[in-house]
Structure formats: C-alpha cells, structure tokens
Amino acid sequence: MTREFDLIVYGATGFTGRLVAEYLAQRYTDGTLNWAMAGRSLTKLEAVRNEIGAPAATPLLTANADDPAALRALTARAKVVLTTVGPYQLHGNDLVAACVATGTGYVDLCGEPNWMHDVIDRHQTAAKASGARIVLSCGFDSIPFDLGVWTVQQAAIAKWGRPAPRVKGRVRKMQGTFSGGTFASGKATAAAAAKNPSVFKILLDPFALTPGFEGPDQPKGVMPEYDEAVGGWVAPFVMAVINTKNVHRTNFLAGHPYGTDFRYDEMMVAPGLGDIGKAAAEAIAKMNPMNADKGPAPGEGPSKEEREAGFYEVDFIAEMPTGESLTCTVTGDRDPGYGSTSKMIAEAALCLIRDVDGEGGVWTPGALMAEPLKARLEANAGLKFVVKA
C-alpha cells in the first residue's frame, strides 16, 4: 500500500496523544518512519510539536472528529492511523468508518465493550473487503492481558502438548492512576447503559465480542475470595470486564488455540495475609474508581515523575486438570494509564506497519500480531514476559 505517511497520530494535542508523539519523536529519529501529527487545531499542534522537541518538519494535519469527509481525506494519506480521541463511542465512529472505507490500518485505546461490539457488527465485513485492519484496545486495555494469556498458553502447549483449559489473571502490583480517557469512557458506557438496557447484556456477557460462539460458563470475579493459586485473597479487578472479552475474542479469531472449553478471569491480589488480606480484598471490592463522581478529565494526567514512578505486575496462571500449573508474569516499567499505554499503542502501530500482514477485519492485538508485538514491547516499551513453572 503506497501512502504519503506510514502513520498519523490523531489526537496529538491531548494528554496521551502528546505522549505518543513525544515517544515517536524521541525513539524513531533515524528518518525511516514517515509520520504526522493530527488534531482539530493547527495552533495547538504547532505548540505541541515544539514542546515535545519533534522535528520542525513533522507534518501537521487538521480534521474534526465529526467531519466524515475530512477524516476520509486524512485516513487515505496513511498506512495506519493511531487515535487517542475518546470516548470512542462519542468521538470514534466516523474515524473508524473512514479507515474502513479507505482500507487504512487503525489502532486505538478503546475499553468500551458496547462500542467494540457495535464496531464488529457494523464493520467486520466491510473491513475484510477493503483490507482495513482495525485493531482495538492497544493500551493497558488490553495488551498486557491479551499477550500474557497468549504467552502462558504457548508455554502450556510446549510443555504439555495442549493448552490449559483454565487461566487466571492476577494483578499483583499496580502503581499509577487510570487515565482521564478511561474514566470518561467508563462514564460514557454507564450513560449508554442507562439509556439502552441491551448495553448491560453486552457488559455482562464474556463472549459479547465472539459473534456466533459462546463458550462455557466463566468465573464471575465479582466477589472477594481466597485463591490457592496465589496463596491469598483476591478482589474484583475493575478492567476485567474489558480484558476478558478481548482475551476470548483473540481465542475466537485465532481458531481457538486455547480450546473451546477455555475459562478465564481477572482479579487483583489483596495485600496482607489471613484476616488482613480478607479485609483488604473486601475494601478493594468496594472502591471501584469508575463509580466516583469526579475523576481526571480527558487531557489531564500525572507528571513525568509520577509516570516514571509507576509500574505494574500481573501473573497469568495456567492450570491443568492434573493439578500442574505454570505462570507468565508480565511487568511494565511505567504507570499503566499513561506512560506504559502511550508506548504500547505506538509500538502496536509500528508492528502493524512493519511486522505483520493479515487480512482486513476487526482484530485484537493478540490475534493479529502476538509474537512480533511482544518482541517489540520487550525491546522498546519496558514490558517483560517471564514464564516460570
């Protein structure tokens, strides 16, 4: 595909979009990446380009999120468009449609299952026809979880000759805040559910993103419990409603390498042992940040020092019916919502441009580019995937 640009970063004047642009400007300085910054305001784009130290020749493009003609013209100029402009159910429809129409690759940070369900329903057939590879959820939602399960299942197949029918995702450590975009997306999803009860069905269905396939009953993960696998109490994890659906979609799109009987859940390990751990798990279960009246606004975020002080550690425990198990531990070296997410989506876009082919359609990162993306993340983005028996 011959295009003017390899990559357009759409939303480059927003907080996360700016971090993506800064990452690209600092890491890819050899001139082999032909990329542009895009947004609504040329003045703001110029200011961001100067502030992040991007080359003065970095092209700046303007298009409003609600202008289909401008978005189609924009997307036709690039191999891949990377967008951080959410909530996607409010601001993403026309951009996805433009990418599908022009056969342009697309990556986003979506954590809105209802919108993702609609994108699959509306665009899967057309994207396949046009060759547009639409890759959703390329940030903390849901790359560490999607690739963590993929990695532990590859290890299970290598060790036992078959995948584990049960994998547990357990968040052991996490330092950092959820992004303003994540908070706004959660609020937009809650508002959509209040207006349309069918949204609740999508949110509750672990197979909402696998049209035509429904697997076995899944662990609920909604109440604190003692987990022998981690030797302590675990509590509900707020992002599980998104990540679990993406993991099942990866399995679905890849032809069920995890099996059709695969069961998966995500929970957060509570600090402390015994009654202290139980009390901590119960407290975590009551502290859903998405239920707060106020959160960080889109465009706001932590300081550079706070982002660099952040981290996360997640275990993916593959359990066999024989009682055998093995674990893949995924770690990230920045706060999940901003520092790590901005690096992950940038590398996902580069992976889509440089490392993988694949037909058009609505994809997950794990189904389309698991191995090359994992290699990129370990080499460039501060993630590690370590398997241990």
Protein backbone atom coordinates (compact mmCIF):
# COMPACT_ATOMS: atom_id res chain seq x y z
CA MET A 1 0.00 0.00 0.00
CA THR A 2 1.58 3.25 -1.16
CA ARG A 3 0.62 6.12 1.11
CA GLU A 4 2.06 9.53 1.88
CA PHE A 5 2.56 8.66 5.57
CA ASP A 6 3.34 5.49 7.43
CA LEU A 7 1.50 6.74 10.50
CA ILE A 8 -0.77 9.57 11.58
CA VAL A 9 -1.21 10.21 15.31
CA TYR A 10 -4.74 11.57 15.64
CA GLY A 11 -5.39 13.44 18.88
CA ALA A 12 -1.77 14.54 19.26
CA THR A 13 -2.73 17.61 21.31
CA GLY A 14 -4.44 15.50 24.01
CA PHE A 15 -2.54 14.26 27.04
CA THR A 16 -1.99 10.68 25.88
CA GLY A 17 -1.69 11.61 22.20
CA ARG A 18 1.04 14.04 23.11
CA LEU A 19 2.91 11.28 24.98
CA VAL A 20 2.65 9.06 21.91
CA ALA A 21 4.01 11.80 19.66
CA GLU A 22 6.82 12.51 22.11
CA TYR A 23 7.74 8.82 22.25
CA LEU A 24 7.90 8.59 18.46
CA ALA A 25 9.92 11.81 18.18
CA GLN A 26 12.46 10.60 20.73
CA ARG A 27 12.80 6.93 19.75
CA TYR A 28 12.41 6.90 15.97
CA THR A 29 14.95 9.51 14.95
CA ASP A 30 16.61 7.69 12.06
CA GLY A 31 14.25 9.11 9.45
CA THR A 32 12.79 5.74 8.44
CA LEU A 33 9.37 6.48 9.97
CA ASN A 34 7.31 8.95 7.97
CA TRP A 35 4.68 10.17 10.42
CA ALA A 36 2.41 13.14 11.05
CA MET A 37 0.54 14.70 13.95
CA ALA A 38 -3.17 15.41 13.57
CA GLY A 39 -5.94 17.08 15.55
CA ARG A 40 -8.53 19.83 15.43
CA SER A 41 -6.32 22.88 15.94
CA LEU A 42 -3.26 23.73 13.87
CA THR A 43 -2.13 26.25 16.51
CA LYS A 44 -2.21 23.63 19.25
CA LEU A 45 -0.46 21.10 17.05
CA GLU A 46 2.34 23.58 16.37
CA ALA A 47 2.71 24.24 20.09
CA VAL A 48 2.88 20.52 20.95
CA ARG A 49 5.37 19.83 18.17
CA ASN A 50 7.66 22.50 19.59
CA GLU A 51 7.20 21.47 23.21
CA ILE A 52 7.99 17.78 22.67
CA GLY A 53 11.04 18.51 20.53
CA ALA A 54 9.70 16.91 17.36
CA PRO A 55 11.45 17.97 14.16
CA ALA A 56 10.12 21.24 12.78
CA ALA A 57 9.38 19.42 9.52
CA THR A 58 6.95 16.99 11.21
CA PRO A 59 3.73 17.40 9.19
CA LEU A 60 0.66 18.75 10.97
CA LEU A 61 -2.82 17.82 9.75
CA THR A 62 -6.25 19.02 10.86
CA ALA A 63 -9.60 17.26 10.86
CA ASN A 64 -12.56 17.31 13.21
CA ALA A 65 -13.80 14.02 14.66
CA ASP A 66 -17.32 14.78 13.40
CA ASP A 67 -16.33 15.62 9.81
CA PRO A 68 -16.56 12.40 7.75
CA ALA A 69 -15.21 13.95 4.55
CA ALA A 70 -12.16 15.42 6.30
CA LEU A 71 -11.50 12.13 8.09
CA ARG A 72 -11.72 10.15 4.89
CA ALA A 73 -9.23 12.50 3.24
CA LEU A 74 -6.97 12.20 6.28
CA THR A 75 -7.03 8.41 6.51
CA ALA A 76 -6.41 7.98 2.78
CA ARG A 77 -2.96 9.53 3.29
CA ALA A 78 -1.68 6.96 5.82
CA LYS A 79 -0.93 3.28 6.14
CA VAL A 80 -2.09 3.38 9.78
CA VAL A 81 -3.99 5.90 11.91
CA LEU A 82 -3.38 5.84 15.68
CA THR A 83 -6.15 7.54 17.63
CA THR A 84 -6.30 8.56 21.28
CA VAL A 85 -9.52 10.58 20.85
CA GLY A 86 -12.11 9.05 23.17
CA PRO A 87 -14.55 8.18 24.48
CA TYR A 88 -14.72 6.30 21.21
CA GLN A 89 -18.47 5.76 21.37
CA LEU A 90 -18.81 9.56 21.30
CA HIS A 91 -15.92 10.56 19.03
CA GLY A 92 -14.72 7.46 17.18
CA ASN A 93 -17.44 6.32 14.80
CA ASP A 94 -16.57 8.49 11.81
CA LEU A 95 -12.84 7.78 12.05
CA VAL A 96 -13.33 4.01 12.08
CA ALA A 97 -15.74 4.29 9.15
CA ALA A 98 -13.19 6.39 7.25
CA CYS A 99 -10.41 3.85 7.85
CA VAL A 100 -12.65 1.00 6.72
CA ALA A 101 -13.66 2.90 3.58
CA THR A 102 -10.07 3.77 2.64
CA GLY A 103 -8.51 0.43 3.60
CA THR A 104 -6.38 2.10 6.27
CA GLY A 105 -4.96 0.38 9.34
CA TYR A 106 -6.26 1.63 12.70
CA VAL A 107 -5.21 1.29 16.35
CA ASP A 108 -6.91 2.76 19.42
CA LEU A 109 -7.09 2.57 23.21
CA CYS A 110 -10.70 1.51 23.41
CA GLY A 111 -12.01 -0.02 26.62
CA GLU A 112 -15.71 0.32 25.76
CA PRO A 113 -17.18 -3.15 25.15
CA ASN A 114 -20.52 -1.84 23.91
CA TRP A 115 -18.85 0.26 21.22
CA MET A 116 -16.45 -2.53 20.31
CA HIS A 117 -19.43 -4.86 19.87
CA ASP A 118 -21.03 -2.34 17.52
CA VAL A 119 -17.80 -1.83 15.54
CA ILE A 120 -17.55 -5.59 14.96
CA ASP A 121 -21.19 -5.77 13.95
CA ARG A 122 -21.05 -2.77 11.59
CA HIS A 123 -17.58 -3.04 10.08
CA GLN A 124 -16.19 -6.60 10.12
CA THR A 125 -17.44 -7.49 6.64
CA ALA A 126 -16.55 -4.15 5.05
CA ALA A 127 -13.11 -4.05 6.68
CA LYS A 128 -12.35 -7.53 5.40
CA ALA A 129 -13.35 -6.41 1.91
CA SER A 130 -11.31 -3.19 1.97
CA GLY A 131 -8.28 -4.70 3.70
CA ALA A 132 -8.52 -2.31 6.67
CA ARG A 133 -7.00 -3.91 9.77
CA ILE A 134 -8.91 -2.36 12.66
CA VAL A 135 -7.10 -3.19 15.91
CA LEU A 136 -8.92 -2.20 19.10
CA SER A 137 -7.66 -1.97 22.70
CA CYS A 138 -3.93 -1.34 22.16
CA GLY A 139 -3.12 0.11 25.60
CA PHE A 140 -3.24 -1.22 29.15
CA ASP A 141 -6.66 -2.31 27.97
CA SER A 142 -5.82 -4.95 26.89
CA ILE A 143 -2.31 -5.69 25.59
CA PRO A 144 -0.62 -6.96 28.82
CA PHE A 145 -3.59 -9.26 29.46
CA ASP A 146 -4.13 -10.37 25.87
CA LEU A 147 -0.45 -11.17 25.33
CA GLY A 148 0.02 -12.51 28.87
CA VAL A 149 -2.60 -15.20 28.26
CA TRP A 150 -1.17 -15.90 24.81
CA THR A 151 2.33 -16.32 26.25
CA VAL A 152 1.32 -18.65 29.07
CA GLN A 153 -0.76 -20.75 26.69
CA GLN A 154 2.15 -21.07 24.27
CA ALA A 155 4.22 -22.30 27.21
CA ALA A 156 1.48 -24.74 28.21
CA ILE A 157 1.32 -26.17 24.70
CA ALA A 158 5.10 -26.52 24.61
CA LYS A 159 5.18 -28.27 28.00
CA TRP A 160 2.04 -30.42 27.93
CA GLY A 161 1.14 -30.62 24.26
CA ARG A 162 -2.15 -28.81 24.76
CA PRO A 163 -3.44 -25.51 26.11
CA ALA A 164 -4.61 -25.05 29.69
CA PRO A 165 -8.42 -25.02 29.96
CA ARG A 166 -8.17 -22.55 32.83
CA VAL A 167 -6.07 -19.39 33.13
CA LYS A 168 -6.20 -16.91 35.99
CA GLY A 169 -5.11 -13.31 35.53
CA ARG A 170 -3.97 -11.91 38.87
CA VAL A 171 -2.87 -8.28 39.24
CA ARG A 172 -0.20 -8.38 41.96
CA LYS A 173 1.07 -4.81 41.88
CA MET A 174 -0.02 -1.61 40.20
CA GLN A 175 1.25 1.92 40.85
CA GLY A 176 -0.43 4.70 38.90
CA THR A 177 -3.78 6.17 38.05
CA PHE A 178 -6.36 5.37 35.42
CA SER A 179 -6.33 7.88 32.60
CA GLY A 180 -8.85 10.66 32.13
CA GLY A 181 -9.85 8.96 28.89
CA THR A 182 -10.53 5.68 30.71
CA PHE A 183 -12.64 7.50 33.29
CA ALA A 184 -14.59 9.36 30.59
CA SER A 185 -15.11 6.11 28.67
CA GLY A 186 -16.46 4.42 31.79
CA LYS A 187 -18.90 7.26 32.35
CA ALA A 188 -19.99 7.23 28.69
CA THR A 189 -20.59 3.47 28.88
CA ALA A 190 -22.64 3.87 32.07
CA ALA A 191 -24.72 6.58 30.40
CA ALA A 192 -25.28 4.38 27.35
CA ALA A 193 -26.38 1.50 29.58
CA ALA A 194 -28.85 3.78 31.39
CA LYS A 195 -30.45 4.68 28.06
CA ASN A 196 -30.31 1.23 26.49
CA PRO A 197 -30.68 -1.88 28.67
CA SER A 198 -29.16 -4.06 25.93
CA VAL A 199 -25.79 -2.48 26.79
CA PHE A 200 -25.94 -4.23 30.18
CA LYS A 201 -26.24 -7.57 28.40
CA ILE A 202 -23.09 -6.83 26.42
CA LEU A 203 -21.17 -5.78 29.53
CA LEU A 204 -22.17 -8.95 31.40
CA ASP A 205 -21.51 -11.36 28.52
CA PRO A 206 -17.90 -12.63 28.43
CA PHE A 207 -18.49 -13.70 24.81
CA ALA A 208 -20.01 -10.41 23.63
CA LEU A 209 -17.17 -9.98 21.11
CA THR A 210 -17.27 -13.51 19.66
CA PRO A 211 -20.34 -13.45 17.39
CA GLY A 212 -21.69 -16.93 16.76
CA PHE A 213 -19.65 -18.56 19.54
CA GLU A 214 -20.47 -18.95 23.21
CA GLY A 215 -18.08 -20.88 25.41
CA PRO A 216 -18.51 -22.43 28.84
CA ASP A 217 -19.65 -20.60 31.96
CA GLN A 218 -16.93 -18.25 33.16
CA PRO A 219 -15.75 -17.39 36.69
CA LYS A 220 -17.66 -14.30 37.79
CA GLY A 221 -14.84 -12.48 39.56
CA VAL A 222 -17.23 -10.11 41.29
CA MET A 223 -16.73 -11.09 44.94
CA PRO A 224 -13.60 -11.32 47.12
CA GLU A 225 -12.33 -14.89 47.52
CA TYR A 226 -9.37 -16.85 48.78
CA ASP A 227 -7.27 -18.10 45.87
CA GLU A 228 -4.95 -21.05 46.47
CA ALA A 229 -3.05 -20.21 43.28
CA VAL A 230 -1.68 -17.00 44.82
CA GLY A 231 -1.87 -18.04 48.46
CA GLY A 232 -4.03 -15.10 49.44
CA TRP A 233 -7.22 -13.13 48.99
CA VAL A 234 -8.23 -11.61 45.66
CA ALA A 235 -10.72 -8.87 44.83
CA PRO A 236 -12.56 -7.81 41.66
CA PHE A 237 -10.40 -6.01 39.09
CA VAL A 238 -12.13 -3.04 37.51
CA MET A 239 -10.77 -3.60 33.97
CA ALA A 240 -11.70 -7.29 33.83
CA VAL A 241 -14.99 -6.56 32.08
CA ILE A 242 -12.98 -5.30 29.09
CA ASN A 243 -9.90 -7.51 29.13
CA THR A 244 -11.69 -10.84 29.48
CA LYS A 245 -13.78 -10.10 26.39
CA ASN A 246 -10.67 -9.28 24.37
CA VAL A 247 -8.93 -12.47 25.51
CA HIS A 248 -11.92 -14.54 24.39
CA ARG A 249 -12.03 -12.67 21.07
CA THR A 250 -8.35 -13.43 20.48
CA ASN A 251 -9.05 -17.11 21.08
CA PHE A 252 -12.05 -16.91 18.74
CA LEU A 253 -10.26 -15.10 15.90
CA ALA A 254 -7.21 -17.37 16.09
CA GLY A 255 -9.30 -20.53 15.72
CA HIS A 256 -9.47 -21.41 19.43
CA PRO A 257 -5.83 -22.26 20.19
CA TYR A 258 -6.80 -22.08 23.88
CA GLY A 259 -9.62 -24.57 23.26
CA THR A 260 -13.38 -24.14 23.05
CA ASP A 261 -13.69 -25.00 26.76
CA PHE A 262 -11.36 -22.18 27.87
CA ARG A 263 -12.18 -20.36 31.14
CA TYR A 264 -10.54 -17.10 32.20
CA ASP A 265 -10.93 -14.40 34.81
CA GLU A 266 -9.00 -11.46 36.26
CA MET A 267 -8.75 -10.35 39.87
CA MET A 268 -6.49 -8.19 42.00
CA VAL A 269 -4.35 -9.71 44.74
CA ALA A 270 -5.05 -8.04 48.07
CA PRO A 271 -2.13 -7.14 50.33
CA GLY A 272 -1.78 -8.96 53.61
CA LEU A 273 -2.41 -12.49 54.88
CA GLY A 274 -5.32 -14.12 56.64
CA ASP A 275 -7.95 -11.79 58.03
CA ILE A 276 -5.93 -8.74 56.97
CA GLY A 277 -5.89 -9.94 53.37
CA LYS A 278 -9.60 -10.68 53.52
CA ALA A 279 -10.37 -7.22 54.85
CA ALA A 280 -8.17 -5.64 52.17
CA ALA A 281 -9.93 -7.62 49.43
CA GLU A 282 -13.32 -6.53 50.71
CA ALA A 283 -12.18 -2.91 50.81
CA ILE A 284 -10.83 -3.10 47.24
CA ALA A 285 -14.12 -4.59 46.07
CA LYS A 286 -15.95 -1.50 47.34
CA MET A 287 -13.55 1.00 45.77
CA ASN A 288 -14.49 0.98 42.07
CA PRO A 289 -12.93 4.22 40.75
CA MET A 290 -15.47 4.32 37.93
CA ASN A 291 -18.22 4.91 40.49
CA ALA A 292 -16.70 8.21 41.59
CA ASP A 293 -18.49 11.44 40.74
CA LYS A 294 -15.30 13.10 39.60
CA GLY A 295 -12.15 11.76 38.06
CA PRO A 296 -9.31 13.01 35.89
CA ALA A 297 -10.58 14.89 32.86
CA PRO A 298 -9.51 13.89 29.36
CA GLY A 299 -6.38 15.89 28.66
CA GLU A 300 -5.23 15.75 32.28
CA GLY A 301 -2.69 13.37 33.74
CA PRO A 302 0.21 12.80 36.10
CA SER A 303 3.60 14.46 35.93
CA LYS A 304 6.58 12.91 34.20
CA GLU A 305 7.98 11.94 37.60
CA GLU A 306 4.73 10.26 38.60
CA ARG A 307 4.53 8.38 35.30
CA GLU A 308 8.10 7.14 35.63
CA ALA A 309 7.48 6.04 39.23
CA GLY A 310 4.56 3.88 38.12
CA PHE A 311 4.64 0.16 37.32
CA TYR A 312 2.53 -2.97 37.23
CA GLU A 313 2.95 -6.73 37.66
CA VAL A 314 0.38 -9.29 36.54
CA ASP A 315 0.54 -13.08 36.85
CA PHE A 316 -1.17 -15.37 34.35
CA ILE A 317 -1.53 -18.81 35.90
CA ALA A 318 -2.28 -21.72 33.57
CA GLU A 319 -3.89 -24.61 35.42
CA MET A 320 -4.25 -28.16 34.10
CA PRO A 321 -6.84 -30.70 35.28
CA THR A 322 -3.93 -32.80 36.62
CA GLY A 323 -3.10 -30.06 39.13
CA GLU A 324 0.01 -28.93 37.26
CA SER A 325 0.45 -25.23 36.57
CA LEU A 326 2.82 -22.65 35.21
CA THR A 327 2.86 -18.85 35.32
CA CYS A 328 3.71 -15.98 33.00
CA THR A 329 4.47 -12.74 34.84
CA VAL A 330 4.01 -9.54 32.84
CA THR A 331 5.60 -6.35 34.15
CA GLY A 332 5.58 -2.77 32.90
CA ASP A 333 8.05 -0.02 33.84
CA ARG A 334 5.68 2.97 33.78
CA ASP A 335 2.26 3.81 35.17
CA PRO A 336 -0.35 1.75 33.31
CA GLY A 337 -2.76 4.51 32.26
CA TYR A 338 -0.34 6.90 30.58
CA GLY A 339 3.37 6.09 30.47
CA SER A 340 3.08 2.42 29.54
CA THR A 341 -0.07 2.82 27.45
CA SER A 342 1.45 5.51 25.22
CA LYS A 343 4.44 3.25 24.46
CA MET A 344 2.26 0.21 23.85
CA ILE A 345 -0.04 1.83 21.31
CA ALA A 346 2.90 3.39 19.47
CA GLU A 347 4.62 0.01 19.15
CA ALA A 348 1.34 -1.65 18.15
CA ALA A 349 1.04 0.84 15.29
CA LEU A 350 4.65 0.22 14.22
CA CYS A 351 4.07 -3.52 14.40
CA LEU A 352 1.03 -3.18 12.15
CA ILE A 353 3.05 -1.14 9.66
CA ARG A 354 6.30 -3.09 9.63
CA ASP A 355 5.94 -6.58 11.02
CA VAL A 356 2.63 -8.24 10.13
CA ASP A 357 0.37 -8.82 7.19
CA GLY A 358 -3.07 -10.22 7.69
CA GLU A 359 -6.43 -9.67 6.09
CA GLY A 360 -8.76 -6.84 6.89
CA GLY A 361 -11.22 -7.05 9.75
CA VAL A 362 -11.74 -6.02 13.35
CA TRP A 363 -8.86 -7.51 15.32
CA THR A 364 -7.37 -7.81 18.77
CA PRO A 365 -3.61 -7.29 19.18
CA GLY A 366 -3.17 -10.91 20.28
CA ALA A 367 -4.99 -12.42 17.32
CA LEU A 368 -3.16 -10.39 14.65
CA MET A 369 0.34 -9.74 15.97
CA ALA A 370 1.05 -11.51 19.25
CA GLU A 371 4.64 -12.67 18.75
CA PRO A 372 6.08 -9.67 16.87
CA LEU A 373 4.28 -7.22 19.16
CA LYS A 374 5.56 -8.99 22.27
CA ALA A 375 9.10 -8.74 20.85
CA ARG A 376 8.64 -5.02 20.18
CA LEU A 377 7.27 -4.34 23.65
CA GLU A 378 10.16 -6.14 25.33
CA ALA A 379 12.74 -4.41 23.13
CA ASN A 380 11.32 -0.88 23.24
CA ALA A 381 8.42 -0.33 25.61
CA GLY A 382 9.58 -1.56 29.02
CA LEU A 383 7.43 -4.70 29.23
CA LYS A 384 8.70 -8.13 30.22
CA PHE A 385 7.05 -11.53 29.80
CA VAL A 386 8.66 -14.15 32.06
CA VAL A 387 7.41 -17.75 32.18
CA LYS A 388 8.17 -19.93 35.19
CA ALA A 389 6.92 -23.37 36.21
